[in-house]
Every structure is written in C-alpha cells, then in structure tokens.
C-alpha cells in the first residue's frame, strides 16, 4: 500500500511537470533581454519597485546603466483616473470606477521590439461618505493591486517574446 502511494505521488508530480504547469507569478523571460534596464524616470516609484522585484524574482538580470543594457523597458504613459458610476438622491457620488492605464515600449539591441503596448485595468469602488478616510485608503489599495496586475501583464508580454 505504501509503494502505491509513493508511485501515485511520483506519477502526479511527473504529470504536472510534463503539462507545463508553473506557479502563478513565475515568469520565464527570454535570455536575449538580459541585462534589462528599467527607465525609472518614466514611471511611478510604486510601479518601478513592483517591476524590479517581479523581474528579479523571475531570474532576470537588471542593470542600472542604460549603456550596458541589452534591452530597455520604458513606460510612456501611466495614469490613474476615476469616474462616477452612480449618485445618491442628493447628487453625491456613491460609486466610482477606478481606471489605471499605462503604455510601455521595449527596445532590444537598438530596435523596438514592443511598440507602445497599452494596458488598462478598471475596478469599482463603493463610496461611503461617513468613512472618507477609509475609502481613500481602500482606493490606494485598489490602485496598488492594479499596479501589481499590470506588472504581471507586462511580464507575460515579455515572456511571449521567446
């Protein structure tokens, strides 16, 4: 009975490995992109930190010197906006749509590999006028999550270059 359990476990492990399964957040970037330079002047500090940590966790080599980089990732537009979705009977906003947009380009070996790729994420936020401070904090948390999601989308697009 014990041998059957061990055999089943080994078989399951081999099956998962053979199907190409990867843990969420694990990205395999093309080696020709390393070392990669992140143009931190073109993006917010939060996006820069998230990109840098995610790239390092994926095994990408980063450089602080653009002249030694094999590729350059530049954010050409990063924007946070909010739209009113619904109002109450007094005309006050009750629900917002938070929108996070960014556009990026990737240059490798002097050529544009990805030319202005756009990412747009939206989330809804209920506004409680009696808890303004809590809503402001919740809005920042939602934007932080959208930045994390957009980082994942950027890395998926870089991974697709293989």
N, C-alpha and C. Protein backbone atom coordinates (compact mmCIF):
# COMPACT_ATOMS: atom_id res chain seq x y z
N UNK A 1 0.83 -1.19 0.00
CA UNK A 1 0.00 0.00 0.00
C UNK A 1 0.87 1.26 0.00
N UNK A 2 1.95 1.20 0.76
CA UNK A 2 2.84 2.35 0.85
C UNK A 2 3.51 2.64 -0.50
N UNK A 3 3.89 1.59 -1.20
CA UNK A 3 4.53 1.73 -2.51
C UNK A 3 3.56 2.33 -3.53
N UNK A 4 2.29 2.00 -3.39
CA UNK A 4 1.28 2.54 -4.30
C UNK A 4 1.13 4.05 -4.10
N UNK A 5 1.15 4.50 -2.85
CA UNK A 5 1.07 5.95 -2.57
C UNK A 5 2.27 6.68 -3.13
N UNK A 6 3.44 6.13 -2.93
CA UNK A 6 4.66 6.77 -3.44
C UNK A 6 4.63 6.81 -4.96
N UNK A 7 4.23 5.70 -5.58
CA UNK A 7 4.13 5.66 -7.03
C UNK A 7 3.12 6.68 -7.54
N UNK A 8 1.98 6.82 -6.88
CA UNK A 8 0.95 7.79 -7.27
C UNK A 8 1.46 9.21 -7.16
N UNK A 9 2.19 9.48 -6.09
CA UNK A 9 2.75 10.81 -5.89
C UNK A 9 3.77 11.15 -6.97
N UNK A 10 4.64 10.21 -7.29
CA UNK A 10 5.64 10.42 -8.34
C UNK A 10 4.95 10.61 -9.69
N UNK A 11 3.93 9.82 -9.98
CA UNK A 11 3.20 9.92 -11.23
C UNK A 11 2.50 11.27 -11.34
N UNK A 12 1.90 11.73 -10.27
CA UNK A 12 1.24 13.03 -10.26
C UNK A 12 2.25 14.15 -10.48
N UNK A 13 3.39 14.07 -9.83
CA UNK A 13 4.44 15.09 -9.99
C UNK A 13 4.93 15.15 -11.42
N UNK A 14 5.17 14.00 -12.02
CA UNK A 14 5.63 13.96 -13.41
C UNK A 14 4.57 14.49 -14.37
N UNK A 15 3.32 14.19 -14.11
CA UNK A 15 2.24 14.68 -14.96
C UNK A 15 2.14 16.20 -14.91
N UNK A 16 2.23 16.76 -13.72
CA UNK A 16 2.17 18.21 -13.58
C UNK A 16 3.35 18.87 -14.25
N UNK A 17 4.53 18.31 -14.09
CA UNK A 17 5.72 18.88 -14.72
C UNK A 17 5.66 18.77 -16.24
N UNK A 18 5.10 17.69 -16.75
CA UNK A 18 5.04 17.47 -18.20
C UNK A 18 4.03 18.38 -18.89
N UNK A 19 3.00 18.83 -18.18
CA UNK A 19 1.98 19.65 -18.82
C UNK A 19 2.39 21.12 -18.90
N UNK A 20 3.52 21.49 -18.36
CA UNK A 20 3.97 22.88 -18.43
C UNK A 20 3.46 23.74 -17.30
N UNK A 21 2.98 23.14 -16.25
CA UNK A 21 2.45 23.88 -15.11
C UNK A 21 3.54 24.73 -14.46
N UNK A 22 3.21 25.99 -14.17
CA UNK A 22 4.10 26.88 -13.43
C UNK A 22 3.31 27.54 -12.33
N UNK A 23 3.95 27.81 -11.23
CA UNK A 23 3.29 28.55 -10.17
C UNK A 23 2.95 29.94 -10.64
N UNK A 24 1.85 30.47 -10.14
CA UNK A 24 1.44 31.82 -10.52
C UNK A 24 2.53 32.81 -10.11
N UNK A 25 2.85 33.71 -11.04
CA UNK A 25 3.88 34.70 -10.76
C UNK A 25 5.26 34.27 -11.19
N UNK A 26 5.39 33.04 -11.66
CA UNK A 26 6.69 32.57 -12.15
C UNK A 26 6.75 32.81 -13.65
N UNK A 27 7.65 33.66 -14.07
CA UNK A 27 7.78 34.03 -15.47
C UNK A 27 9.15 33.60 -15.97
N UNK A 28 9.18 33.15 -17.20
CA UNK A 28 10.44 32.81 -17.84
C UNK A 28 10.66 33.82 -18.96
N UNK A 29 11.59 34.74 -18.74
CA UNK A 29 11.85 35.77 -19.73
C UNK A 29 12.94 35.33 -20.69
N UNK A 30 12.85 35.79 -21.92
CA UNK A 30 13.89 35.43 -22.90
C UNK A 30 15.26 35.93 -22.45
N UNK A 31 16.28 35.11 -22.66
CA UNK A 31 17.62 35.47 -22.21
C UNK A 31 18.21 36.64 -22.99
N UNK A 32 17.75 36.83 -24.23
CA UNK A 32 18.31 37.93 -25.02
C UNK A 32 17.90 39.31 -24.50
N UNK A 33 16.97 39.36 -23.53
CA UNK A 33 16.58 40.64 -22.94
C UNK A 33 17.48 41.05 -21.78
N UNK A 34 18.29 40.14 -21.28
CA UNK A 34 19.15 40.43 -20.14
C UNK A 34 20.50 40.95 -20.60
N UNK A 35 21.06 41.90 -19.90
CA UNK A 35 20.50 42.63 -18.77
C UNK A 35 19.48 43.67 -19.23
N UNK A 36 18.45 43.85 -18.42
CA UNK A 36 17.33 44.74 -18.72
C UNK A 36 17.47 46.02 -17.91
N UNK A 37 17.21 47.15 -18.56
CA UNK A 37 17.25 48.44 -17.89
C UNK A 37 15.82 48.96 -17.76
N UNK A 38 15.42 49.31 -16.55
CA UNK A 38 14.12 49.92 -16.30
C UNK A 38 14.31 51.43 -16.23
N UNK A 39 13.63 52.16 -17.10
CA UNK A 39 13.72 53.62 -17.10
C UNK A 39 12.83 54.15 -15.97
N UNK A 40 13.42 54.31 -14.78
CA UNK A 40 12.61 54.67 -13.61
C UNK A 40 12.08 56.09 -13.66
N UNK A 41 12.65 56.95 -14.50
CA UNK A 41 12.13 58.31 -14.63
C UNK A 41 10.80 58.34 -15.37
N UNK A 42 10.48 57.28 -16.09
CA UNK A 42 9.26 57.26 -16.88
C UNK A 42 8.07 56.65 -16.14
N UNK A 43 8.28 56.21 -14.89
CA UNK A 43 7.20 55.53 -14.17
C UNK A 43 7.16 55.96 -12.71
N UNK A 44 6.04 55.64 -12.07
CA UNK A 44 5.91 55.94 -10.65
C UNK A 44 6.84 55.04 -9.85
N UNK A 45 7.17 55.47 -8.66
CA UNK A 45 8.06 54.71 -7.79
C UNK A 45 7.46 53.35 -7.44
N UNK A 46 6.15 53.32 -7.21
CA UNK A 46 5.49 52.06 -6.86
C UNK A 46 5.56 51.06 -8.01
N UNK A 47 5.33 51.52 -9.24
CA UNK A 47 5.42 50.64 -10.40
C UNK A 47 6.86 50.17 -10.60
N UNK A 48 7.81 51.06 -10.42
CA UNK A 48 9.22 50.70 -10.57
C UNK A 48 9.62 49.60 -9.57
N UNK A 49 9.23 49.77 -8.32
CA UNK A 49 9.57 48.78 -7.30
C UNK A 49 8.91 47.44 -7.59
N UNK A 50 7.67 47.47 -8.02
CA UNK A 50 6.95 46.23 -8.33
C UNK A 50 7.58 45.51 -9.52
N UNK A 51 7.90 46.26 -10.57
CA UNK A 51 8.54 45.67 -11.75
C UNK A 51 9.91 45.08 -11.40
N UNK A 52 10.69 45.85 -10.66
CA UNK A 52 12.03 45.41 -10.29
C UNK A 52 11.99 44.12 -9.47
N UNK A 53 11.12 44.07 -8.47
CA UNK A 53 11.07 42.87 -7.63
C UNK A 53 10.52 41.67 -8.40
N UNK A 54 9.54 41.88 -9.26
CA UNK A 54 8.98 40.78 -10.03
C UNK A 54 9.98 40.26 -11.05
N UNK A 55 10.71 41.17 -11.70
CA UNK A 55 11.73 40.76 -12.66
C UNK A 55 12.85 39.98 -11.97
N UNK A 56 13.29 40.45 -10.83
CA UNK A 56 14.35 39.75 -10.09
C UNK A 56 13.87 38.37 -9.63
N UNK A 57 12.62 38.29 -9.19
CA UNK A 57 12.09 37.00 -8.76
C UNK A 57 11.98 36.02 -9.93
N UNK A 58 11.87 36.56 -11.13
CA UNK A 58 11.80 35.72 -12.33
C UNK A 58 13.17 35.34 -12.85
N UNK A 59 14.21 35.81 -12.20
CA UNK A 59 15.56 35.47 -12.61
C UNK A 59 16.15 36.38 -13.66
N UNK A 60 15.49 37.48 -13.95
CA UNK A 60 16.01 38.42 -14.95
C UNK A 60 17.17 39.22 -14.36
N UNK A 61 18.15 39.48 -15.18
CA UNK A 61 19.28 40.31 -14.77
C UNK A 61 18.94 41.75 -15.08
N UNK A 62 19.04 42.62 -14.08
CA UNK A 62 18.76 44.04 -14.24
C UNK A 62 20.05 44.83 -14.16
N UNK A 63 20.05 45.97 -14.82
CA UNK A 63 21.20 46.85 -14.76
C UNK A 63 20.74 48.28 -14.48
N UNK A 64 21.59 49.03 -13.81
CA UNK A 64 21.29 50.43 -13.51
C UNK A 64 21.88 51.36 -14.57
N UNK A 65 22.65 50.81 -15.49
CA UNK A 65 23.31 51.60 -16.52
C UNK A 65 22.70 51.27 -17.88
N UNK A 66 22.07 52.25 -18.48
CA UNK A 66 21.38 52.04 -19.75
C UNK A 66 22.35 51.64 -20.88
N UNK A 67 23.59 52.10 -20.80
CA UNK A 67 24.55 51.81 -21.87
C UNK A 67 24.98 50.35 -21.89
N UNK A 68 24.89 49.66 -20.76
CA UNK A 68 25.28 48.24 -20.71
C UNK A 68 24.09 47.31 -20.89
N UNK A 69 22.90 47.85 -21.06
CA UNK A 69 21.69 47.04 -21.14
C UNK A 69 21.50 46.44 -22.53
N UNK A 70 21.01 45.21 -22.56
CA UNK A 70 20.64 44.59 -23.82
C UNK A 70 19.24 45.03 -24.25
N UNK A 71 18.42 45.43 -23.27
CA UNK A 71 17.07 45.89 -23.57
C UNK A 71 16.66 46.97 -22.56
N UNK A 72 15.73 47.81 -23.01
CA UNK A 72 15.26 48.93 -22.19
C UNK A 72 13.73 48.89 -22.16
N UNK A 73 13.17 48.88 -20.95
CA UNK A 73 11.72 48.94 -20.76
C UNK A 73 11.37 50.35 -20.31
N UNK A 74 10.51 50.99 -21.09
CA UNK A 74 10.14 52.38 -20.79
C UNK A 74 8.63 52.50 -20.74
N UNK A 75 8.14 53.17 -19.71
CA UNK A 75 6.72 53.45 -19.57
C UNK A 75 6.48 54.83 -20.17
N UNK A 76 5.66 54.89 -21.22
CA UNK A 76 5.44 56.18 -21.88
C UNK A 76 4.22 56.90 -21.35
N UNK A 77 3.35 56.19 -20.67
CA UNK A 77 2.17 56.82 -20.10
C UNK A 77 1.71 56.00 -18.90
N UNK A 78 1.50 56.66 -17.78
CA UNK A 78 0.94 56.00 -16.60
C UNK A 78 -0.07 56.97 -16.01
N UNK A 79 -1.30 56.50 -15.85
CA UNK A 79 -2.35 57.42 -15.46
C UNK A 79 -3.37 56.73 -14.56
N UNK A 80 -3.75 57.42 -13.48
CA UNK A 80 -4.81 56.96 -12.59
C UNK A 80 -5.97 57.94 -12.73
N UNK A 81 -7.15 57.43 -13.00
CA UNK A 81 -8.34 58.29 -13.08
C UNK A 81 -9.50 57.60 -12.37
N UNK A 82 -10.55 58.35 -12.13
CA UNK A 82 -11.76 57.78 -11.56
C UNK A 82 -12.96 58.48 -12.17
N UNK A 83 -14.00 57.71 -12.42
CA UNK A 83 -15.25 58.21 -12.97
C UNK A 83 -16.37 57.87 -12.00
N UNK A 84 -17.36 58.75 -11.94
CA UNK A 84 -18.52 58.49 -11.09
C UNK A 84 -19.45 57.54 -11.84
N UNK A 85 -19.84 56.47 -11.16
CA UNK A 85 -20.75 55.49 -11.77
C UNK A 85 -22.18 55.75 -11.34
N UNK A 86 -22.36 56.02 -10.02
CA UNK A 86 -23.72 56.24 -9.52
C UNK A 86 -23.70 57.32 -8.45
N UNK A 87 -24.86 57.96 -8.29
CA UNK A 87 -25.04 59.02 -7.29
C UNK A 87 -26.26 58.70 -6.44
N UNK A 88 -26.32 59.29 -5.24
CA UNK A 88 -27.48 59.08 -4.38
C UNK A 88 -28.54 60.14 -4.69
N UNK A 89 -29.59 60.18 -3.89
CA UNK A 89 -30.69 61.11 -4.15
C UNK A 89 -30.30 62.57 -3.97
N UNK A 90 -29.22 62.82 -3.23
CA UNK A 90 -28.74 64.19 -3.02
C UNK A 90 -27.71 64.60 -4.07
N UNK A 91 -27.40 63.72 -4.98
CA UNK A 91 -26.45 64.03 -6.04
C UNK A 91 -25.00 63.77 -5.67
N UNK A 92 -24.77 63.11 -4.53
CA UNK A 92 -23.40 62.79 -4.12
C UNK A 92 -22.97 61.47 -4.76
N UNK A 93 -21.70 61.36 -5.06
CA UNK A 93 -21.17 60.14 -5.66
C UNK A 93 -21.25 58.99 -4.66
N UNK A 94 -21.76 57.86 -5.13
CA UNK A 94 -21.86 56.67 -4.28
C UNK A 94 -20.96 55.54 -4.76
N UNK A 95 -20.61 55.57 -6.05
CA UNK A 95 -19.77 54.52 -6.60
C UNK A 95 -18.88 55.11 -7.69
N UNK A 96 -17.62 54.72 -7.64
CA UNK A 96 -16.63 55.19 -8.62
C UNK A 96 -16.09 54.02 -9.42
N UNK A 97 -15.66 54.31 -10.62
CA UNK A 97 -14.89 53.36 -11.42
C UNK A 97 -13.46 53.88 -11.43
N UNK A 98 -12.54 53.11 -10.86
CA UNK A 98 -11.12 53.47 -10.83
C UNK A 98 -10.46 52.88 -12.07
N UNK A 99 -9.71 53.70 -12.78
CA UNK A 99 -9.07 53.29 -14.02
C UNK A 99 -7.57 53.53 -13.91
N UNK A 100 -6.81 52.50 -14.26
CA UNK A 100 -5.36 52.61 -14.28
C UNK A 100 -4.89 52.24 -15.68
N UNK A 101 -4.20 53.17 -16.32
CA UNK A 101 -3.71 52.97 -17.68
C UNK A 101 -2.20 53.14 -17.72
N UNK A 102 -1.59 52.34 -18.56
CA UNK A 102 -0.18 52.57 -18.85
C UNK A 102 0.12 52.06 -20.24
N UNK A 103 1.15 52.64 -20.81
CA UNK A 103 1.66 52.21 -22.10
C UNK A 103 3.16 52.02 -21.95
N UNK A 104 3.69 50.99 -22.58
CA UNK A 104 5.12 50.74 -22.46
C UNK A 104 5.71 50.34 -23.79
N UNK A 105 7.00 50.54 -23.91
CA UNK A 105 7.75 50.10 -25.09
C UNK A 105 8.97 49.32 -24.60
N UNK A 106 9.40 48.40 -25.43
CA UNK A 106 10.59 47.62 -25.13
C UNK A 106 11.52 47.72 -26.33
N UNK A 107 12.75 48.13 -26.05
CA UNK A 107 13.77 48.19 -27.09
C UNK A 107 14.86 47.20 -26.73
N UNK A 108 15.29 46.44 -27.73
CA UNK A 108 16.37 45.48 -27.54
C UNK A 108 17.32 45.59 -28.73
N UNK A 109 18.60 45.71 -28.44
CA UNK A 109 19.64 45.82 -29.46
C UNK A 109 19.37 46.97 -30.42
N UNK A 110 18.87 48.07 -29.89
CA UNK A 110 18.62 49.26 -30.70
C UNK A 110 17.34 49.23 -31.52
N UNK A 111 16.59 48.12 -31.49
CA UNK A 111 15.35 48.00 -32.24
C UNK A 111 14.17 47.99 -31.27
N UNK A 112 13.04 48.51 -31.75
CA UNK A 112 11.82 48.47 -30.95
C UNK A 112 11.19 47.10 -31.10
N UNK A 113 11.13 46.36 -30.00
CA UNK A 113 10.58 45.00 -30.01
C UNK A 113 9.09 45.04 -29.72
N UNK A 114 8.71 45.83 -28.73
CA UNK A 114 7.29 46.06 -28.41
C UNK A 114 7.06 47.55 -28.52
N UNK A 115 6.19 47.94 -29.44
CA UNK A 115 5.95 49.36 -29.69
C UNK A 115 4.63 49.79 -29.06
N UNK A 116 4.70 50.57 -28.03
CA UNK A 116 3.56 51.16 -27.33
C UNK A 116 2.42 50.16 -27.11
N UNK A 117 2.65 49.27 -26.20
CA UNK A 117 1.64 48.30 -25.79
C UNK A 117 0.85 48.92 -24.64
N UNK A 118 -0.47 48.90 -24.75
CA UNK A 118 -1.33 49.54 -23.76
C UNK A 118 -1.94 48.52 -22.81
N UNK A 119 -2.04 48.94 -21.56
CA UNK A 119 -2.71 48.13 -20.53
C UNK A 119 -3.70 49.06 -19.82
N UNK A 120 -4.93 48.59 -19.67
CA UNK A 120 -5.93 49.36 -18.94
C UNK A 120 -6.67 48.42 -18.01
N UNK A 121 -6.71 48.78 -16.74
CA UNK A 121 -7.41 48.00 -15.72
C UNK A 121 -8.46 48.87 -15.06
N UNK A 122 -9.61 48.29 -14.74
CA UNK A 122 -10.67 49.04 -14.06
C UNK A 122 -11.18 48.23 -12.88
N UNK A 123 -11.55 48.95 -11.84
CA UNK A 123 -12.17 48.36 -10.65
C UNK A 123 -13.25 49.33 -10.18
N UNK A 124 -14.26 48.79 -9.52
CA UNK A 124 -15.31 49.62 -8.95
C UNK A 124 -15.07 49.80 -7.46
N UNK A 125 -15.46 50.98 -6.96
CA UNK A 125 -15.29 51.32 -5.55
C UNK A 125 -16.56 51.97 -5.04
N UNK A 126 -17.14 51.38 -3.98
CA UNK A 126 -18.29 51.98 -3.33
C UNK A 126 -17.81 53.07 -2.39
N UNK A 127 -18.44 54.22 -2.46
CA UNK A 127 -18.03 55.36 -1.64
C UNK A 127 -19.00 55.52 -0.48
N UNK A 128 -18.44 55.53 0.73
CA UNK A 128 -19.23 55.75 1.93
C UNK A 128 -18.86 57.13 2.47
N UNK A 129 -19.76 58.13 2.38
CA UNK A 129 -19.43 59.48 2.83
C UNK A 129 -19.15 59.58 4.34
N UNK A 130 -19.52 58.57 5.10
CA UNK A 130 -19.28 58.59 6.54
C UNK A 130 -17.91 58.01 6.90
N UNK A 131 -17.21 57.45 5.93
CA UNK A 131 -15.90 56.86 6.20
C UNK A 131 -14.92 57.30 5.10
N UNK A 132 -14.76 58.61 4.99
CA UNK A 132 -13.94 59.17 3.90
C UNK A 132 -12.49 58.69 3.99
N UNK A 133 -11.91 58.65 5.18
CA UNK A 133 -10.53 58.21 5.32
C UNK A 133 -10.37 56.75 4.92
N UNK A 134 -11.32 55.92 5.29
CA UNK A 134 -11.26 54.51 4.94
C UNK A 134 -11.41 54.29 3.44
N UNK A 135 -12.24 55.11 2.80
CA UNK A 135 -12.43 54.99 1.36
C UNK A 135 -11.17 55.42 0.62
N UNK A 136 -10.51 56.44 1.11
CA UNK A 136 -9.26 56.90 0.49
C UNK A 136 -8.19 55.81 0.59
N UNK A 137 -8.10 55.16 1.73
CA UNK A 137 -7.14 54.08 1.89
C UNK A 137 -7.50 52.89 1.00
N UNK A 138 -8.78 52.58 0.91
CA UNK A 138 -9.23 51.49 0.05
C UNK A 138 -8.92 51.80 -1.42
N UNK A 139 -9.08 53.04 -1.81
CA UNK A 139 -8.77 53.45 -3.19
C UNK A 139 -7.29 53.25 -3.49
N UNK A 140 -6.42 53.62 -2.56
CA UNK A 140 -4.98 53.41 -2.76
C UNK A 140 -4.63 51.93 -2.82
N UNK A 141 -5.30 51.11 -2.01
CA UNK A 141 -5.07 49.66 -2.06
C UNK A 141 -5.49 49.08 -3.40
N UNK A 142 -6.60 49.56 -3.93
CA UNK A 142 -7.08 49.08 -5.23
C UNK A 142 -6.09 49.49 -6.33
N UNK A 143 -5.61 50.73 -6.30
CA UNK A 143 -4.61 51.16 -7.29
C UNK A 143 -3.33 50.32 -7.16
N UNK A 144 -2.92 50.02 -5.94
CA UNK A 144 -1.73 49.20 -5.72
C UNK A 144 -1.92 47.80 -6.34
N UNK A 145 -3.11 47.23 -6.15
CA UNK A 145 -3.41 45.93 -6.75
C UNK A 145 -3.41 46.01 -8.28
N UNK A 146 -3.92 47.10 -8.83
CA UNK A 146 -3.93 47.26 -10.28
C UNK A 146 -2.50 47.40 -10.82
N UNK A 147 -1.63 48.06 -10.08
CA UNK A 147 -0.22 48.17 -10.48
C UNK A 147 0.41 46.78 -10.48
N UNK A 148 0.11 45.99 -9.45
CA UNK A 148 0.64 44.62 -9.38
C UNK A 148 0.13 43.79 -10.56
N UNK A 149 -1.15 43.92 -10.89
CA UNK A 149 -1.72 43.19 -12.02
C UNK A 149 -1.11 43.64 -13.35
N UNK A 150 -0.89 44.94 -13.50
CA UNK A 150 -0.30 45.44 -14.75
C UNK A 150 1.15 44.96 -14.89
N UNK A 151 1.86 44.84 -13.78
CA UNK A 151 3.21 44.29 -13.81
C UNK A 151 3.20 42.86 -14.33
N UNK A 152 2.25 42.08 -13.87
CA UNK A 152 2.11 40.72 -14.35
C UNK A 152 1.81 40.67 -15.84
N UNK A 153 0.98 41.59 -16.32
CA UNK A 153 0.67 41.63 -17.74
C UNK A 153 1.89 42.03 -18.57
N UNK A 154 2.68 42.96 -18.06
CA UNK A 154 3.91 43.34 -18.77
C UNK A 154 4.84 42.14 -18.88
N UNK A 155 5.02 41.43 -17.78
CA UNK A 155 5.92 40.27 -17.81
C UNK A 155 5.38 39.15 -18.70
N UNK A 156 4.08 38.97 -18.76
CA UNK A 156 3.52 37.98 -19.69
C UNK A 156 3.82 38.36 -21.14
N UNK A 157 3.76 39.64 -21.46
CA UNK A 157 4.06 40.08 -22.81
C UNK A 157 5.54 39.94 -23.14
N UNK A 158 6.38 40.16 -22.13
CA UNK A 158 7.81 39.94 -22.34
C UNK A 158 8.10 38.45 -22.52
N UNK A 159 7.43 37.62 -21.74
CA UNK A 159 7.61 36.18 -21.82
C UNK A 159 7.20 35.66 -23.18
N UNK A 160 6.19 36.27 -23.80
CA UNK A 160 5.69 35.83 -25.10
C UNK A 160 6.71 36.08 -26.22
N UNK A 161 7.76 36.81 -25.96
CA UNK A 161 8.78 37.10 -26.98
C UNK A 161 9.70 35.93 -27.25
N UNK A 162 9.61 34.87 -26.49
CA UNK A 162 10.50 33.72 -26.66
C UNK A 162 10.29 33.03 -27.99
